[in-house]
Amino acid sequence: MMSETHTNNILCHVLERVYNMQIAVCDDEQLFVDSLKDAVYAYSNMYRLEIAVDKFYCGEDLLDSVTDYDIVFLDYKMGGIDGLETAKALRDKNSKCTIIFLTSYPQFVYESFKVAPFRFFKKPLDVQELHEALDDYFTQFGNNYPFIIMVNGEKRCIQTNDVVYLEADNKKCYVNLVNERLHCASTMAQVSKLLPNSIFYKVHRAFIVNFNYIDRYVKEKIYLKNGHYVFSSRMYLSSFRKAFKQFVKGRVA
């Protein structure tokens, strides 16, 4: 059984990843670094993510950083130590970081397997390819994680992907799962801060919904896949529809 301390440590680590993601771009071409940084920030603005990007122009400076980065974009061919040697040292320092290599040398791919990279990008930068890689990253690592709420005086650890919607109840709230309804001792606003804002959206002062559980919406009524429905107020309706269309963009047959 997982101890309470261990569970809380996991929770703190995950919240740090989602709400204050640290990304490093390491390449000796300044213009390329700037363009990649701008593209990452454009993605974060699109999905309302809180991301900080640091720039480095050599592997030595990256390795001198005290920050444990979630994602590192790393050029293979740089002055000083090359990208592969930098990645090996980075793995020893931060084994959990996601490495994405930037290279004009496709033959390098096989050598890089030793450091388990997440993706490879060929230069020049393809913004669409970058966004697809970040989509895959968040699908795999960013949206589903455990968090803890107080229910009837007890701590309950649940997964973000199991939450269909939140419902305000004065200074408390209901956390509606697929097959369970939990009365939480915290406000809806407090619970929402524990959830990834890339998939949870406020549609009414009393409701926050998980985009993944929306079946359809008709005027102000939003039907959910667990058989429930909620209402979107006029204040939130236009922004909700825009955000949801952006969420499903590229996923419509």
Protein backbone atom coordinates (compact mmCIF):
# COMPACT_ATOMS: atom_id res chain seq x y z
CA MET A 1 0.00 0.00 0.00
CA MET A 2 1.27 3.48 -0.90
CA SER A 3 2.05 5.61 2.15
CA GLU A 4 0.43 9.02 2.65
CA THR A 5 3.83 10.72 2.44
CA HIS A 6 4.68 8.94 -0.79
CA THR A 7 1.30 9.85 -2.28
CA ASN A 8 1.75 13.51 -1.37
CA ASN A 9 5.25 13.52 -2.87
CA ILE A 10 3.85 12.21 -6.15
CA LEU A 11 1.11 14.83 -6.04
CA CYS A 12 3.56 17.68 -5.49
CA HIS A 13 5.81 16.47 -8.30
CA VAL A 14 2.95 16.16 -10.77
CA LEU A 15 1.47 19.55 -9.95
CA GLU A 16 4.90 21.08 -10.47
CA ARG A 17 5.12 19.45 -13.93
CA VAL A 18 1.70 20.55 -15.08
CA TYR A 19 1.42 24.08 -13.71
CA ASN A 20 5.01 25.24 -13.86
CA MET A 21 6.61 23.24 -16.62
CA GLN A 22 10.28 23.92 -17.23
CA ILE A 23 11.58 23.50 -20.78
CA ALA A 24 15.16 23.97 -22.00
CA VAL A 25 16.24 24.68 -25.57
CA CYS A 26 19.93 23.99 -26.19
CA ASP A 27 21.38 24.82 -29.62
CA ASP A 28 24.33 26.92 -30.77
CA GLU A 29 22.23 28.78 -33.38
CA GLN A 30 20.61 31.76 -31.67
CA LEU A 31 17.97 32.40 -34.35
CA PHE A 32 16.85 28.78 -34.22
CA VAL A 33 16.69 28.85 -30.41
CA ASP A 34 14.56 32.00 -30.50
CA SER A 35 12.18 30.59 -33.12
CA LEU A 36 11.74 27.34 -31.19
CA LYS A 37 11.13 29.22 -27.94
CA ASP A 38 8.48 31.40 -29.64
CA ALA A 39 6.78 28.29 -31.08
CA VAL A 40 6.63 26.64 -27.64
CA TYR A 41 5.10 29.77 -26.09
CA ALA A 42 2.57 29.96 -28.93
CA TYR A 43 1.54 26.41 -28.07
CA SER A 44 1.30 27.19 -24.35
CA ASN A 45 -0.89 30.23 -25.04
CA MET A 46 -3.15 28.16 -27.28
CA TYR A 47 -3.83 25.58 -24.57
CA ARG A 48 -3.56 27.87 -21.50
CA LEU A 49 -0.49 26.09 -20.13
CA GLU A 50 2.03 27.64 -17.76
CA ILE A 51 5.43 26.95 -19.32
CA ALA A 52 8.82 28.57 -18.77
CA VAL A 53 11.49 28.18 -21.48
CA ASP A 54 15.21 28.66 -20.80
CA LYS A 55 17.76 29.10 -23.60
CA PHE A 56 21.25 27.58 -23.75
CA TYR A 57 23.85 27.73 -26.50
CA CYS A 58 26.11 24.87 -25.40
CA GLY A 59 25.81 21.61 -23.50
CA GLU A 60 28.12 22.76 -20.71
CA ASP A 61 25.81 25.63 -19.74
CA LEU A 62 22.77 23.36 -19.78
CA LEU A 63 24.47 20.87 -17.48
CA ASP A 64 25.50 23.67 -15.12
CA SER A 65 21.85 24.61 -14.61
CA VAL A 66 20.30 23.55 -11.30
CA THR A 67 16.81 23.26 -12.84
CA ASP A 68 15.31 19.80 -13.37
CA TYR A 69 13.72 20.29 -16.79
CA ASP A 70 10.60 18.44 -17.88
CA ILE A 71 11.51 18.68 -21.58
CA VAL A 72 14.89 19.40 -23.17
CA PHE A 73 15.22 20.26 -26.86
CA LEU A 74 18.82 19.36 -27.61
CA ASP A 75 20.93 19.93 -30.73
CA TYR A 76 23.12 17.01 -31.73
CA LYS A 77 25.91 19.04 -33.33
CA MET A 78 27.24 21.80 -31.07
CA GLY A 79 30.57 23.31 -30.18
CA GLY A 80 32.16 21.76 -27.09
CA ILE A 81 30.48 18.54 -26.01
CA ASP A 82 27.96 17.32 -28.56
CA GLY A 83 24.28 16.60 -28.00
CA LEU A 84 24.69 12.90 -27.32
CA GLU A 85 27.31 13.40 -24.61
CA THR A 86 25.20 16.18 -23.13
CA ALA A 87 22.18 13.87 -23.10
CA LYS A 88 24.13 11.10 -21.35
CA ALA A 89 25.24 13.52 -18.61
CA LEU A 90 21.71 14.92 -18.41
CA ARG A 91 20.29 11.42 -17.91
CA ASP A 92 22.66 10.89 -14.97
CA LYS A 93 21.53 14.20 -13.49
CA ASN A 94 17.79 14.07 -14.30
CA SER A 95 16.72 10.62 -15.41
CA LYS A 96 13.05 11.56 -15.85
CA CYS A 97 13.38 14.47 -18.26
CA THR A 98 12.00 14.12 -21.78
CA ILE A 99 14.67 14.61 -24.45
CA ILE A 100 13.83 15.78 -27.97
CA PHE A 101 16.79 15.89 -30.33
CA LEU A 102 17.31 18.53 -33.00
CA THR A 103 19.49 17.32 -35.83
CA SER A 104 20.38 17.63 -39.48
CA TYR A 105 22.12 14.23 -39.32
CA PRO A 106 19.55 11.41 -39.64
CA GLN A 107 22.25 8.75 -39.15
CA PHE A 108 22.55 9.99 -35.57
CA VAL A 109 19.17 8.48 -34.67
CA TYR A 110 20.55 5.00 -33.94
CA GLU A 111 23.29 6.29 -31.65
CA SER A 112 20.77 8.25 -29.60
CA PHE A 113 18.76 5.19 -28.50
CA LYS A 114 21.13 4.90 -25.53
CA VAL A 115 19.51 7.93 -23.91
CA ALA A 116 15.87 7.05 -24.80
CA PRO A 117 14.80 10.23 -26.62
CA PHE A 118 11.12 11.07 -27.01
CA ARG A 119 11.34 12.57 -30.53
CA PHE A 120 13.69 13.78 -33.27
CA PHE A 121 13.25 17.03 -35.19
CA LYS A 122 15.00 17.76 -38.44
CA LYS A 123 16.06 21.33 -39.06
CA PRO A 124 14.65 23.77 -40.06
CA LEU A 125 11.86 23.89 -37.49
CA ASP A 126 8.46 22.54 -38.51
CA VAL A 127 5.96 24.20 -36.14
CA GLN A 128 3.23 21.67 -36.92
CA GLU A 129 5.59 18.82 -36.08
CA LEU A 130 6.52 20.56 -32.82
CA HIS A 131 2.88 20.98 -31.81
CA GLU A 132 2.12 17.35 -32.60
CA ALA A 133 5.05 16.25 -30.42
CA LEU A 134 3.84 18.41 -27.53
CA ASP A 135 0.32 17.01 -28.00
CA ASP A 136 1.74 13.50 -27.70
CA TYR A 137 3.77 14.49 -24.64
CA PHE A 138 0.76 15.86 -22.78
CA THR A 139 -1.37 12.90 -23.82
CA GLN A 140 1.24 10.54 -22.39
CA PHE A 141 2.47 12.48 -19.36
CA GLY A 142 0.56 15.66 -18.67
CA ASN A 143 -3.16 15.16 -18.25
CA ASN A 144 -3.65 12.08 -16.09
CA TYR A 145 -2.21 12.08 -12.59
CA PRO A 146 -3.33 11.47 -8.99
CA PHE A 147 -4.56 14.24 -6.74
CA ILE A 148 -5.99 14.31 -3.23
CA ILE A 149 -9.25 15.75 -1.89
CA MET A 150 -10.98 15.57 1.50
CA VAL A 151 -14.25 13.62 1.49
CA ASN A 152 -16.14 13.04 4.76
CA GLY A 153 -13.02 13.76 6.79
CA GLU A 154 -10.87 11.31 4.81
CA LYS A 155 -8.29 11.84 2.10
CA ARG A 156 -9.27 10.41 -1.27
CA CYS A 157 -6.70 9.97 -4.04
CA ILE A 158 -8.27 10.00 -7.49
CA GLN A 159 -7.07 10.36 -11.08
CA THR A 160 -7.72 13.52 -13.10
CA ASN A 161 -8.97 11.44 -16.04
CA ASP A 162 -11.74 10.01 -13.82
CA VAL A 163 -13.25 13.44 -13.15
CA VAL A 164 -16.19 14.22 -15.43
CA TYR A 165 -17.09 17.60 -13.96
CA LEU A 166 -17.04 19.74 -10.81
CA GLU A 167 -20.15 21.27 -9.30
CA ALA A 168 -20.07 24.16 -6.81
CA ASP A 169 -21.87 23.79 -3.48
CA ASN A 170 -21.29 27.03 -1.53
CA LYS A 171 -17.93 26.58 0.27
CA LYS A 172 -17.73 22.95 -0.83
CA CYS A 173 -18.18 21.18 -4.14
CA TYR A 174 -19.13 17.90 -5.76
CA VAL A 175 -16.48 16.00 -7.71
CA ASN A 176 -18.42 13.92 -10.21
CA LEU A 177 -16.64 10.79 -11.42
CA VAL A 178 -17.95 8.35 -14.04
CA ASN A 179 -19.69 6.15 -11.45
CA GLU A 180 -19.38 8.12 -8.21
CA ARG A 181 -20.25 11.54 -6.78
CA LEU A 182 -17.95 12.85 -4.04
CA HIS A 183 -18.78 15.73 -1.71
CA CYS A 184 -15.48 17.54 -1.26
CA ALA A 185 -14.63 19.80 1.68
CA SER A 186 -12.92 22.35 -0.63
CA THR A 187 -14.47 24.90 -2.98
CA MET A 188 -14.76 24.27 -6.70
CA ALA A 189 -12.11 26.93 -7.33
CA GLN A 190 -9.66 25.20 -4.96
CA VAL A 191 -10.17 21.78 -6.56
CA SER A 192 -9.90 23.19 -10.08
CA LYS A 193 -6.37 24.40 -9.28
CA LEU A 194 -5.34 20.75 -8.91
CA LEU A 195 -6.59 19.86 -12.40
CA PRO A 196 -4.89 20.35 -15.79
CA ASN A 197 -6.42 23.47 -17.30
CA SER A 198 -5.75 22.14 -20.80
CA ILE A 199 -8.74 19.77 -20.48
CA PHE A 200 -10.92 21.29 -17.72
CA TYR A 201 -12.96 24.38 -18.50
CA LYS A 202 -15.36 26.57 -16.54
CA VAL A 203 -18.69 26.77 -18.37
CA HIS A 204 -20.78 28.25 -15.58
CA ARG A 205 -20.08 29.75 -12.17
CA ALA A 206 -21.27 26.40 -10.77
CA PHE A 207 -19.71 23.96 -13.29
CA ILE A 208 -16.26 23.01 -14.61
CA VAL A 209 -16.26 20.22 -17.21
CA ASN A 210 -13.68 17.79 -18.55
CA PHE A 211 -13.52 18.27 -22.34
CA ASN A 212 -12.87 14.53 -22.78
CA TYR A 213 -16.34 13.69 -21.41
CA ILE A 214 -18.39 16.06 -23.56
CA ASP A 215 -20.74 14.11 -25.82
CA ARG A 216 -22.48 17.09 -27.44
CA TYR A 217 -23.90 20.51 -26.64
CA VAL A 218 -27.18 22.07 -27.75
CA LYS A 219 -27.51 25.80 -27.10
CA GLU A 220 -26.60 26.20 -23.39
CA LYS A 221 -27.00 22.51 -22.51
CA ILE A 222 -23.85 20.34 -22.41
CA TYR A 223 -24.42 16.57 -22.48
CA LEU A 224 -21.73 14.41 -20.88
CA LYS A 225 -20.73 10.83 -21.62
CA ASN A 226 -21.75 9.57 -18.18
CA GLY A 227 -25.39 10.47 -18.89
CA HIS A 228 -25.37 13.76 -16.95
CA TYR A 229 -25.73 17.25 -18.36
CA VAL A 230 -24.77 20.73 -17.21
CA PHE A 231 -25.55 24.23 -18.39
CA SER A 232 -23.24 26.89 -19.75
CA SER A 233 -24.18 30.43 -18.82
CA ARG A 234 -24.22 33.19 -21.42
CA MET A 235 -21.15 34.70 -19.82
CA TYR A 236 -19.06 31.60 -20.60
CA LEU A 237 -20.87 30.15 -23.64
CA SER A 238 -18.90 31.83 -26.44
CA SER A 239 -15.48 31.24 -24.86
CA PHE A 240 -16.40 27.63 -24.03
CA ARG A 241 -17.39 26.84 -27.63
CA LYS A 242 -14.20 28.43 -28.94
CA ALA A 243 -12.01 26.54 -26.45
CA PHE A 244 -13.74 23.22 -27.10
CA LYS A 245 -13.41 23.60 -30.88
CA GLN A 246 -9.71 24.27 -30.37
CA PHE A 247 -9.45 21.20 -28.16
CA VAL A 248 -10.92 18.87 -30.81
CA LYS A 249 -9.15 20.59 -33.71
CA GLY A 250 -7.52 18.00 -35.94
CA ARG A 251 -9.47 15.15 -34.31
CA VAL A 252 -12.64 15.39 -36.43
CA ALA A 253 -13.29 12.71 -39.08
